[in-house]
């Protein structure tokens, strides 16, 4: 899992909610995903909630 948003560098803990990924695992925070209309700027795929890991 990527530890930060690829657009704004906001830290994204593996066990926390609020991270979004595409099928290539490009990772964005919730604010950036909203600004991007939930579309990955790299692959143009859908951004979906990243599953959280257990602590």
PDB file of N, CA and C in Angstrom:
ATOM      1  N   UNK A   1       0.841  -1.186   0.000  1.00  0.00           N
ATOM      2  CA  UNK A   1       0.000   0.000   0.000  1.00  0.00           C
ATOM      3  C   UNK A   1       0.881   1.243   0.000  1.00  0.00           C
ATOM      4  N   UNK A   2       0.463   2.193  -0.778  1.00  0.00           N
ATOM      5  CA  UNK A   2       1.209   3.444  -0.835  1.00  0.00           C
ATOM      6  C   UNK A   2       0.853   4.283   0.392  1.00  0.00           C
ATOM      7  N   UNK A   3       1.854   4.903   1.019  1.00  0.00           N
ATOM      8  CA  UNK A   3       1.635   5.585   2.293  1.00  0.00           C
ATOM      9  C   UNK A   3       1.115   7.016   2.191  1.00  0.00           C
ATOM     10  N   UNK A   4       0.981   7.546   0.958  1.00  0.00           N
ATOM     11  CA  UNK A   4       0.568   8.942   0.818  1.00  0.00           C
ATOM     12  C   UNK A   4      -0.171   9.148  -0.505  1.00  0.00           C
ATOM     13  N   UNK A   5      -0.968  10.198  -0.539  1.00  0.00           N
ATOM     14  CA  UNK A   5      -1.673  10.591  -1.760  1.00  0.00           C
ATOM     15  C   UNK A   5      -0.651  10.952  -2.830  1.00  0.00           C
ATOM     16  N   UNK A   6      -0.844  10.453  -4.026  1.00  0.00           N
ATOM     17  CA  UNK A   6       0.090  10.714  -5.114  1.00  0.00           C
ATOM     18  C   UNK A   6      -0.067  12.114  -5.700  1.00  0.00           C
ATOM     19  N   UNK A   7      -1.112  12.807  -5.309  1.00  0.00           N
ATOM     20  CA  UNK A   7      -1.358  14.156  -5.845  1.00  0.00           C
ATOM     21  C   UNK A   7      -0.927  15.247  -4.866  1.00  0.00           C
ATOM     22  N   UNK A   8      -1.269  15.093  -3.576  1.00  0.00           N
ATOM     23  CA  UNK A   8      -0.985  16.159  -2.608  1.00  0.00           C
ATOM     24  C   UNK A   8      -0.060  15.718  -1.475  1.00  0.00           C
ATOM     25  N   UNK A   9       0.319  14.447  -1.461  1.00  0.00           N
ATOM     26  CA  UNK A   9       1.248  13.886  -0.479  1.00  0.00           C
ATOM     27  C   UNK A   9       0.684  13.803   0.942  1.00  0.00           C
ATOM     28  N   UNK A  10      -0.635  13.840   1.096  1.00  0.00           N
ATOM     29  CA  UNK A  10      -1.258  13.641   2.404  1.00  0.00           C
ATOM     30  C   UNK A  10      -0.971  12.215   2.880  1.00  0.00           C
ATOM     31  N   UNK A  11      -0.510  12.035   4.117  1.00  0.00           N
ATOM     32  CA  UNK A  11      -0.258  10.679   4.624  1.00  0.00           C
ATOM     33  C   UNK A  11      -1.552   9.859   4.688  1.00  0.00           C
ATOM     34  N   UNK A  12      -1.462   8.582   4.297  1.00  0.00           N
ATOM     35  CA  UNK A  12      -2.611   7.676   4.304  1.00  0.00           C
ATOM     36  C   UNK A  12      -2.204   6.387   5.014  1.00  0.00           C
ATOM     37  N   UNK A  13      -2.607   6.270   6.267  1.00  0.00           N
ATOM     38  CA  UNK A  13      -2.249   5.101   7.069  1.00  0.00           C
ATOM     39  C   UNK A  13      -2.942   3.853   6.513  1.00  0.00           C
ATOM     40  N   UNK A  14      -2.271   2.697   6.534  1.00  0.00           N
ATOM     41  CA  UNK A  14      -2.857   1.468   5.988  1.00  0.00           C
ATOM     42  C   UNK A  14      -4.140   1.031   6.689  1.00  0.00           C
ATOM     43  N   UNK A  15      -4.297   1.386   7.958  1.00  0.00           N
ATOM     44  CA  UNK A  15      -5.482   0.960   8.713  1.00  0.00           C
ATOM     45  C   UNK A  15      -6.593   2.006   8.721  1.00  0.00           C
ATOM     46  N   UNK A  16      -6.378   3.141   8.065  1.00  0.00           N
ATOM     47  CA  UNK A  16      -7.360   4.225   8.079  1.00  0.00           C
ATOM     48  C   UNK A  16      -8.211   4.222   6.806  1.00  0.00           C
ATOM     49  N   UNK A  17      -9.417   4.725   6.926  1.00  0.00           N
ATOM     50  CA  UNK A  17     -10.292   4.901   5.769  1.00  0.00           C
ATOM     51  C   UNK A  17      -9.979   6.256   5.144  1.00  0.00           C
ATOM     52  N   UNK A  18     -10.461   6.489   3.943  1.00  0.00           N
ATOM     53  CA  UNK A  18     -10.268   7.788   3.306  1.00  0.00           C
ATOM     54  C   UNK A  18      -9.257   7.768   2.182  1.00  0.00           C
ATOM     55  N   UNK A  19      -8.802   6.589   1.781  1.00  0.00           N
ATOM     56  CA  UNK A  19      -7.895   6.466   0.647  1.00  0.00           C
ATOM     57  C   UNK A  19      -8.651   5.832  -0.511  1.00  0.00           C
ATOM     58  N   UNK A  20      -8.325   6.239  -1.710  1.00  0.00           N
ATOM     59  CA  UNK A  20      -8.961   5.726  -2.915  1.00  0.00           C
ATOM     60  C   UNK A  20      -7.894   5.211  -3.860  1.00  0.00           C
ATOM     61  N   UNK A  21      -8.198   4.091  -4.555  1.00  0.00           N
ATOM     62  CA  UNK A  21      -7.250   3.499  -5.492  1.00  0.00           C
ATOM     63  C   UNK A  21      -7.953   3.155  -6.805  1.00  0.00           C
ATOM     64  N   UNK A  22      -7.139   3.040  -7.866  1.00  0.00           N
ATOM     65  CA  UNK A  22      -7.632   2.519  -9.136  1.00  0.00           C
ATOM     66  C   UNK A  22      -7.169   1.069  -9.249  1.00  0.00           C
ATOM     67  N   UNK A  23      -7.432   0.432 -10.364  1.00  0.00           N
ATOM     68  CA  UNK A  23      -7.047  -0.974 -10.525  1.00  0.00           C
ATOM     69  C   UNK A  23      -5.531  -1.165 -10.591  1.00  0.00           C
ATOM     70  N   UNK A  24      -4.781  -0.096 -10.865  1.00  0.00           N
ATOM     71  CA  UNK A  24      -3.313  -0.157 -10.863  1.00  0.00           C
ATOM     72  C   UNK A  24      -2.730   0.248  -9.515  1.00  0.00           C
ATOM     73  N   UNK A  25      -3.608   0.481  -8.527  1.00  0.00           N
ATOM     74  CA  UNK A  25      -3.251   0.870  -7.168  1.00  0.00           C
ATOM     75  C   UNK A  25      -2.631   2.258  -7.062  1.00  0.00           C
ATOM     76  N   UNK A  26      -2.913   3.135  -8.044  1.00  0.00           N
ATOM     77  CA  UNK A  26      -2.582   4.542  -7.867  1.00  0.00           C
ATOM     78  C   UNK A  26      -3.451   5.011  -6.718  1.00  0.00           C
ATOM     79  N   UNK A  27      -2.894   5.805  -5.813  1.00  0.00           N
ATOM     80  CA  UNK A  27      -3.542   6.089  -4.535  1.00  0.00           C
ATOM     81  C   UNK A  27      -3.750   7.588  -4.338  1.00  0.00           C
ATOM     82  N   UNK A  28      -4.952   7.954  -3.886  1.00  0.00           N
ATOM     83  CA  UNK A  28      -5.315   9.350  -3.679  1.00  0.00           C
ATOM     84  C   UNK A  28      -6.126   9.497  -2.397  1.00  0.00           C
ATOM     85  N   UNK A  29      -6.012  10.653  -1.757  1.00  0.00           N
ATOM     86  CA  UNK A  29      -6.821  10.939  -0.573  1.00  0.00           C
ATOM     87  C   UNK A  29      -8.254  11.244  -1.017  1.00  0.00           C
ATOM     88  N   UNK A  30      -9.168  11.294  -0.073  1.00  0.00           N
ATOM     89  CA  UNK A  30     -10.582  11.534  -0.376  1.00  0.00           C
ATOM     90  C   UNK A  30     -10.794  12.888  -1.030  1.00  0.00           C
ATOM     91  N   UNK A  31     -10.095  13.923  -0.554  1.00  0.00           N
ATOM     92  CA  UNK A  31     -10.263  15.260  -1.142  1.00  0.00           C
ATOM     93  C   UNK A  31      -9.834  15.282  -2.603  1.00  0.00           C
ATOM     94  N   UNK A  32      -8.684  14.672  -2.899  1.00  0.00           N
ATOM     95  CA  UNK A  32      -8.210  14.648  -4.281  1.00  0.00           C
ATOM     96  C   UNK A  32      -9.114  13.777  -5.147  1.00  0.00           C
ATOM     97  N   UNK A  33      -9.577  12.650  -4.627  1.00  0.00           N
ATOM     98  CA  UNK A  33     -10.488  11.789  -5.388  1.00  0.00           C
ATOM     99  C   UNK A  33     -11.757  12.555  -5.751  1.00  0.00           C
ATOM    100  N   UNK A  34     -12.273  13.349  -4.810  1.00  0.00           N
ATOM    101  CA  UNK A  34     -13.452  14.167  -5.094  1.00  0.00           C
ATOM    102  C   UNK A  34     -13.156  15.188  -6.191  1.00  0.00           C
ATOM    103  N   UNK A  35     -12.014  15.855  -6.087  1.00  0.00           N
ATOM    104  CA  UNK A  35     -11.641  16.857  -7.088  1.00  0.00           C
ATOM    105  C   UNK A  35     -11.445  16.227  -8.467  1.00  0.00           C
ATOM    106  N   UNK A  36     -11.042  14.964  -8.497  1.00  0.00           N
ATOM    107  CA  UNK A  36     -10.821  14.252  -9.758  1.00  0.00           C
ATOM    108  C   UNK A  36     -12.084  13.539 -10.253  1.00  0.00           C
ATOM    109  N   UNK A  37     -13.213  13.762  -9.576  1.00  0.00           N
ATOM    110  CA  UNK A  37     -14.485  13.105  -9.899  1.00  0.00           C
ATOM    111  C   UNK A  37     -14.358  11.585  -9.891  1.00  0.00           C
ATOM    112  N   UNK A  38     -13.540  11.069  -8.953  1.00  0.00           N
ATOM    113  CA  UNK A  38     -13.310   9.634  -8.772  1.00  0.00           C
ATOM    114  C   UNK A  38     -12.799   8.943 -10.044  1.00  0.00           C
ATOM    115  N   UNK A  39     -11.990   9.668 -10.846  1.00  0.00           N
ATOM    116  CA  UNK A  39     -11.369   9.107 -12.042  1.00  0.00           C
ATOM    117  C   UNK A  39      -9.860   9.292 -11.909  1.00  0.00           C
ATOM    118  N   UNK A  40      -9.107   8.205 -12.045  1.00  0.00           N
ATOM    119  CA  UNK A  40      -7.653   8.262 -11.934  1.00  0.00           C
ATOM    120  C   UNK A  40      -7.072   9.079 -13.092  1.00  0.00           C
ATOM    121  N   UNK A  41      -6.241  10.080 -12.793  1.00  0.00           N
ATOM    122  CA  UNK A  41      -5.672  10.897 -13.864  1.00  0.00           C
ATOM    123  C   UNK A  41      -4.602  10.157 -14.675  1.00  0.00           C
ATOM    124  N   UNK A  42      -4.106   9.051 -14.157  1.00  0.00           N
ATOM    125  CA  UNK A  42      -3.061   8.301 -14.855  1.00  0.00           C
ATOM    126  C   UNK A  42      -3.640   7.304 -15.852  1.00  0.00           C
ATOM    127  N   UNK A  43      -4.590   6.471 -15.388  1.00  0.00           N
ATOM    128  CA  UNK A  43      -5.116   5.407 -16.251  1.00  0.00           C
ATOM    129  C   UNK A  43      -6.548   5.658 -16.706  1.00  0.00           C
ATOM    130  N   UNK A  44      -7.189   6.691 -16.150  1.00  0.00           N
ATOM    131  CA  UNK A  44      -8.575   7.050 -16.426  1.00  0.00           C
ATOM    132  C   UNK A  44      -9.569   6.024 -15.869  1.00  0.00           C
ATOM    133  N   UNK A  45      -9.089   5.147 -14.994  1.00  0.00           N
ATOM    134  CA  UNK A  45      -9.946   4.165 -14.347  1.00  0.00           C
ATOM    135  C   UNK A  45     -10.682   4.756 -13.161  1.00  0.00           C
ATOM    136  N   UNK A  46     -11.647   4.016 -12.660  1.00  0.00           N
ATOM    137  CA  UNK A  46     -12.456   4.438 -11.519  1.00  0.00           C
ATOM    138  C   UNK A  46     -11.629   4.393 -10.237  1.00  0.00           C
ATOM    139  N   UNK A  47     -11.781   5.402  -9.396  1.00  0.00           N
ATOM    140  CA  UNK A  47     -11.184   5.411  -8.064  1.00  0.00           C
ATOM    141  C   UNK A  47     -12.222   4.900  -7.083  1.00  0.00           C
ATOM    142  N   UNK A  48     -11.833   3.887  -6.305  1.00  0.00           N
ATOM    143  CA  UNK A  48     -12.731   3.274  -5.328  1.00  0.00           C
ATOM    144  C   UNK A  48     -12.069   3.270  -3.956  1.00  0.00           C
ATOM    145  N   UNK A  49     -12.879   3.083  -2.921  1.00  0.00           N
ATOM    146  CA  UNK A  49     -12.339   3.025  -1.560  1.00  0.00           C
ATOM    147  C   UNK A  49     -11.279   1.941  -1.443  1.00  0.00           C
ATOM    148  N   UNK A  50     -10.129   2.304  -0.891  1.00  0.00           N
ATOM    149  CA  UNK A  50      -9.084   1.317  -0.645  1.00  0.00           C
ATOM    150  C   UNK A  50      -9.443   0.546   0.610  1.00  0.00           C
ATOM    151  N   UNK A  51      -9.363  -0.791   0.569  1.00  0.00           N
ATOM    152  CA  UNK A  51      -9.655  -1.552   1.795  1.00  0.00           C
ATOM    153  C   UNK A  51      -8.632  -1.235   2.880  1.00  0.00           C
ATOM    154  N   UNK A  52      -9.091  -1.158   4.096  1.00  0.00           N
ATOM    155  CA  UNK A  52      -8.196  -0.869   5.221  1.00  0.00           C
ATOM    156  C   UNK A  52      -7.593  -2.171   5.749  1.00  0.00           C
ATOM    157  N   UNK A  53      -6.334  -2.118   6.151  1.00  0.00           N
ATOM    158  CA  UNK A  53      -5.700  -3.265   6.778  1.00  0.00           C
ATOM    159  C   UNK A  53      -5.981  -3.210   8.268  1.00  0.00           C
ATOM    160  N   UNK A  54      -6.032  -4.363   8.873  1.00  0.00           N
ATOM    161  CA  UNK A  54      -6.198  -4.413  10.322  1.00  0.00           C
ATOM    162  C   UNK A  54      -4.888  -4.021  10.972  1.00  0.00           C
ATOM    163  N   UNK A  55      -4.997  -3.453  12.138  1.00  0.00           N
ATOM    164  CA  UNK A  55      -3.799  -3.031  12.875  1.00  0.00           C
ATOM    165  C   UNK A  55      -3.004  -4.218  13.319  1.00  0.00           C
TER     166      UNK A  55
END
